[in-house]
N, C-alpha and C. Protein backbone atom coordinates (compact mmCIF):
# COMPACT_ATOMS: atom_id res chain seq x y z
N MET A 1 1.01 -3.60 -3.39
CA MET A 1 -0.07 -2.71 -3.72
C MET A 1 -1.31 -3.57 -3.95
N LYS A 2 -2.07 -3.82 -2.92
CA LYS A 2 -3.25 -4.68 -3.00
C LYS A 2 -4.35 -4.03 -3.83
N GLU A 3 -4.53 -2.74 -3.67
CA GLU A 3 -5.49 -2.01 -4.49
C GLU A 3 -4.75 -0.83 -5.11
N MET A 4 -5.31 -0.32 -6.18
CA MET A 4 -4.62 0.75 -6.89
C MET A 4 -4.56 2.01 -6.01
N ASN A 5 -3.38 2.56 -5.91
CA ASN A 5 -3.13 3.77 -5.13
C ASN A 5 -3.63 4.97 -5.93
N ASN A 6 -4.73 5.58 -5.48
CA ASN A 6 -5.33 6.69 -6.22
C ASN A 6 -4.40 7.87 -6.36
N GLU A 7 -3.62 8.17 -5.33
CA GLU A 7 -2.68 9.28 -5.42
C GLU A 7 -1.62 9.00 -6.47
N ALA A 8 -1.12 7.76 -6.51
CA ALA A 8 -0.10 7.39 -7.50
C ALA A 8 -0.65 7.52 -8.91
N VAL A 9 -1.89 7.07 -9.12
CA VAL A 9 -2.53 7.20 -10.43
C VAL A 9 -2.63 8.66 -10.82
N LEU A 10 -3.10 9.48 -9.90
CA LEU A 10 -3.24 10.91 -10.15
C LEU A 10 -1.89 11.53 -10.50
N PHE A 11 -0.85 11.19 -9.74
CA PHE A 11 0.46 11.76 -9.99
C PHE A 11 1.04 11.28 -11.32
N VAL A 12 0.85 10.02 -11.68
CA VAL A 12 1.34 9.51 -12.97
C VAL A 12 0.68 10.27 -14.11
N LEU A 13 -0.65 10.35 -14.09
CA LEU A 13 -1.37 11.01 -15.18
C LEU A 13 -1.07 12.50 -15.25
N SER A 14 -1.03 13.17 -14.10
CA SER A 14 -0.76 14.61 -14.12
C SER A 14 0.68 14.90 -14.53
N GLU A 15 1.62 14.06 -14.13
CA GLU A 15 3.02 14.24 -14.52
C GLU A 15 3.19 14.07 -16.03
N LEU A 16 2.50 13.08 -16.59
CA LEU A 16 2.55 12.90 -18.04
C LEU A 16 1.93 14.09 -18.76
N LYS A 17 0.81 14.55 -18.24
CA LYS A 17 0.13 15.70 -18.84
C LYS A 17 1.03 16.94 -18.77
N ARG A 18 1.70 17.11 -17.66
CA ARG A 18 2.58 18.26 -17.46
C ARG A 18 3.78 18.22 -18.42
N ASN A 19 4.16 17.02 -18.86
CA ASN A 19 5.30 16.85 -19.75
C ASN A 19 4.86 16.53 -21.18
N ASN A 20 3.77 17.15 -21.61
CA ASN A 20 3.26 17.01 -22.97
C ASN A 20 2.93 15.57 -23.35
N GLY A 21 2.57 14.76 -22.37
CA GLY A 21 2.08 13.41 -22.63
C GLY A 21 3.13 12.34 -22.79
N THR A 22 4.40 12.66 -22.66
CA THR A 22 5.47 11.67 -22.87
C THR A 22 6.59 11.87 -21.87
N LEU A 23 7.04 10.75 -21.29
CA LEU A 23 8.16 10.81 -20.34
C LEU A 23 8.79 9.42 -20.27
N ASN A 24 10.09 9.35 -20.00
CA ASN A 24 10.68 8.02 -19.85
C ASN A 24 10.35 7.47 -18.47
N ASP A 25 10.42 6.16 -18.35
CA ASP A 25 9.97 5.50 -17.12
C ASP A 25 10.77 5.89 -15.89
N LYS A 26 12.05 6.11 -16.04
CA LYS A 26 12.88 6.46 -14.88
C LYS A 26 12.53 7.85 -14.35
N ASP A 27 12.39 8.81 -15.25
CA ASP A 27 12.02 10.16 -14.82
C ASP A 27 10.62 10.18 -14.23
N LEU A 28 9.70 9.45 -14.86
CA LEU A 28 8.33 9.39 -14.35
C LEU A 28 8.31 8.78 -12.95
N TYR A 29 9.03 7.69 -12.75
CA TYR A 29 9.09 7.05 -11.43
C TYR A 29 9.65 8.02 -10.38
N GLU A 30 10.76 8.68 -10.71
CA GLU A 30 11.37 9.61 -9.76
C GLU A 30 10.42 10.75 -9.40
N ASN A 31 9.75 11.32 -10.40
CA ASN A 31 8.84 12.44 -10.15
C ASN A 31 7.62 12.01 -9.34
N VAL A 32 7.06 10.85 -9.68
CA VAL A 32 5.89 10.34 -8.97
C VAL A 32 6.26 9.99 -7.53
N ASN A 33 7.39 9.33 -7.35
CA ASN A 33 7.80 8.94 -6.00
C ASN A 33 8.09 10.18 -5.15
N LYS A 34 8.67 11.21 -5.75
CA LYS A 34 8.94 12.45 -5.03
C LYS A 34 7.63 13.10 -4.58
N ALA A 35 6.64 13.12 -5.48
CA ALA A 35 5.33 13.69 -5.14
C ALA A 35 4.63 12.87 -4.06
N LEU A 36 4.74 11.56 -4.15
CA LEU A 36 4.13 10.70 -3.13
C LEU A 36 4.79 10.90 -1.77
N LYS A 37 6.11 11.03 -1.75
CA LYS A 37 6.81 11.27 -0.48
C LYS A 37 6.35 12.57 0.15
N TYR A 38 6.05 13.55 -0.69
CA TYR A 38 5.57 14.84 -0.19
C TYR A 38 4.26 14.69 0.58
N VAL A 39 3.42 13.71 0.17
CA VAL A 39 2.14 13.48 0.87
C VAL A 39 2.24 12.29 1.83
N GLY A 40 3.47 11.87 2.13
CA GLY A 40 3.68 10.83 3.14
C GLY A 40 3.51 9.42 2.66
N GLN A 41 3.65 9.18 1.35
CA GLN A 41 3.54 7.84 0.80
C GLN A 41 4.79 7.53 -0.01
N GLU A 42 4.85 6.30 -0.49
CA GLU A 42 5.97 5.86 -1.30
C GLU A 42 5.52 4.72 -2.19
N ILE A 43 6.20 4.53 -3.31
CA ILE A 43 5.88 3.43 -4.21
C ILE A 43 7.18 2.76 -4.62
N SER A 44 7.21 1.44 -4.58
CA SER A 44 8.41 0.71 -4.98
C SER A 44 8.43 0.58 -6.50
N PRO A 45 9.59 0.30 -7.06
CA PRO A 45 9.64 0.10 -8.52
C PRO A 45 8.71 -1.02 -8.99
N LYS A 46 8.59 -2.07 -8.21
CA LYS A 46 7.70 -3.17 -8.57
C LYS A 46 6.24 -2.70 -8.59
N GLU A 47 5.84 -1.93 -7.58
CA GLU A 47 4.47 -1.39 -7.53
C GLU A 47 4.23 -0.41 -8.67
N PHE A 48 5.25 0.38 -8.99
CA PHE A 48 5.15 1.35 -10.08
C PHE A 48 4.93 0.64 -11.41
N ASN A 49 5.69 -0.43 -11.65
CA ASN A 49 5.52 -1.20 -12.88
C ASN A 49 4.14 -1.83 -12.97
N LYS A 50 3.64 -2.31 -11.85
CA LYS A 50 2.29 -2.88 -11.82
C LYS A 50 1.25 -1.80 -12.12
N LEU A 51 1.45 -0.62 -11.57
CA LEU A 51 0.55 0.50 -11.82
C LEU A 51 0.56 0.87 -13.30
N LEU A 52 1.74 0.90 -13.92
CA LEU A 52 1.83 1.19 -15.36
C LEU A 52 1.08 0.14 -16.17
N LEU A 53 1.21 -1.11 -15.79
CA LEU A 53 0.50 -2.19 -16.49
C LEU A 53 -1.01 -2.01 -16.39
N ILE A 54 -1.49 -1.67 -15.20
CA ILE A 54 -2.93 -1.45 -15.00
C ILE A 54 -3.41 -0.28 -15.84
N LEU A 55 -2.66 0.83 -15.81
CA LEU A 55 -3.05 2.01 -16.58
C LEU A 55 -3.00 1.73 -18.08
N GLU A 56 -2.06 0.89 -18.51
CA GLU A 56 -1.97 0.55 -19.92
C GLU A 56 -3.14 -0.33 -20.36
N THR A 57 -3.50 -1.31 -19.54
CA THR A 57 -4.62 -2.19 -19.90
C THR A 57 -5.95 -1.45 -19.86
N ARG A 58 -6.04 -0.40 -19.06
CA ARG A 58 -7.27 0.40 -19.01
C ARG A 58 -7.31 1.49 -20.08
N GLY A 59 -6.24 1.59 -20.86
CA GLY A 59 -6.23 2.50 -21.99
C GLY A 59 -5.84 3.92 -21.69
N TYR A 60 -5.23 4.19 -20.55
CA TYR A 60 -4.81 5.54 -20.21
C TYR A 60 -3.43 5.89 -20.74
N ILE A 61 -2.55 4.90 -20.81
CA ILE A 61 -1.18 5.13 -21.25
C ILE A 61 -0.75 4.02 -22.20
N ARG A 62 0.37 4.27 -22.90
CA ARG A 62 1.03 3.24 -23.69
C ARG A 62 2.49 3.22 -23.26
N VAL A 63 3.02 2.02 -23.07
CA VAL A 63 4.42 1.86 -22.67
C VAL A 63 5.17 1.30 -23.88
N GLU A 64 6.18 2.03 -24.33
CA GLU A 64 6.96 1.61 -25.49
C GLU A 64 8.42 1.48 -25.11
N GLY A 65 9.06 0.45 -25.63
CA GLY A 65 10.50 0.31 -25.43
C GLY A 65 11.22 1.17 -26.44
N SER A 66 12.17 1.95 -25.99
CA SER A 66 12.89 2.81 -26.93
C SER A 66 14.35 2.36 -27.06
N ARG A 67 15.01 2.16 -25.96
CA ARG A 67 16.38 1.68 -25.94
C ARG A 67 16.50 0.65 -24.84
N LYS A 68 17.63 0.02 -24.79
CA LYS A 68 17.87 -0.99 -23.76
C LYS A 68 17.66 -0.38 -22.37
N ASN A 69 16.86 -1.04 -21.56
CA ASN A 69 16.57 -0.62 -20.18
C ASN A 69 15.90 0.75 -20.08
N MET A 70 15.20 1.17 -21.13
CA MET A 70 14.51 2.45 -21.07
C MET A 70 13.18 2.32 -21.79
N ARG A 71 12.13 2.78 -21.13
CA ARG A 71 10.80 2.75 -21.74
C ARG A 71 10.24 4.16 -21.80
N ILE A 72 9.44 4.40 -22.82
CA ILE A 72 8.77 5.68 -22.98
C ILE A 72 7.31 5.47 -22.61
N ILE A 73 6.79 6.31 -21.73
CA ILE A 73 5.40 6.25 -21.31
C ILE A 73 4.66 7.38 -22.00
N LYS A 74 3.57 7.04 -22.69
CA LYS A 74 2.79 8.05 -23.41
C LYS A 74 1.37 8.08 -22.89
N LEU A 75 0.87 9.28 -22.65
CA LEU A 75 -0.50 9.48 -22.22
C LEU A 75 -1.40 9.36 -23.43
N LEU A 76 -2.42 8.50 -23.36
CA LEU A 76 -3.34 8.30 -24.48
C LEU A 76 -4.58 9.13 -24.36
N LYS A 77 -5.14 9.22 -23.17
CA LYS A 77 -6.39 9.95 -22.97
C LYS A 77 -6.08 11.36 -22.50
N LYS A 78 -5.90 12.25 -23.46
CA LYS A 78 -5.58 13.64 -23.14
C LYS A 78 -6.69 14.30 -22.36
N GLU A 79 -7.92 13.79 -22.52
CA GLU A 79 -9.06 14.40 -21.83
C GLU A 79 -9.18 13.93 -20.38
N ALA A 80 -8.27 13.07 -19.92
CA ALA A 80 -8.31 12.62 -18.54
C ALA A 80 -8.19 13.83 -17.62
N ASN A 81 -9.13 14.00 -16.75
CA ASN A 81 -9.17 15.17 -15.87
C ASN A 81 -8.28 14.91 -14.67
N THR A 82 -7.06 15.45 -14.71
CA THR A 82 -6.13 15.26 -13.60
C THR A 82 -5.88 16.55 -12.85
N SER A 83 -6.38 17.66 -13.37
CA SER A 83 -6.09 18.94 -12.72
C SER A 83 -7.19 19.37 -11.76
N GLY A 84 -8.31 18.65 -11.78
CA GLY A 84 -9.40 19.00 -10.87
C GLY A 84 -10.30 20.09 -11.40
N SER A 85 -10.07 20.53 -12.65
CA SER A 85 -10.90 21.59 -13.23
C SER A 85 -11.96 21.02 -14.14
């Protein structure tokens, strides 16, 4: 992922918003990848993790470890306009 995939960013933020701002990393990855496949794209787990890191450093999400091999992703900026309205 040389540059940030705008569709992936949109799907990550909208999926978190749709799930009350919190989702585990595995479910988020599966949902985002399914949505991307629908529009003819795909994201690898490595690219997904890089995207999460970028979104976290920009202050959109927080990634927290909850249990072994499981992370919780939380949406920080509830006002992020992901619905287009």
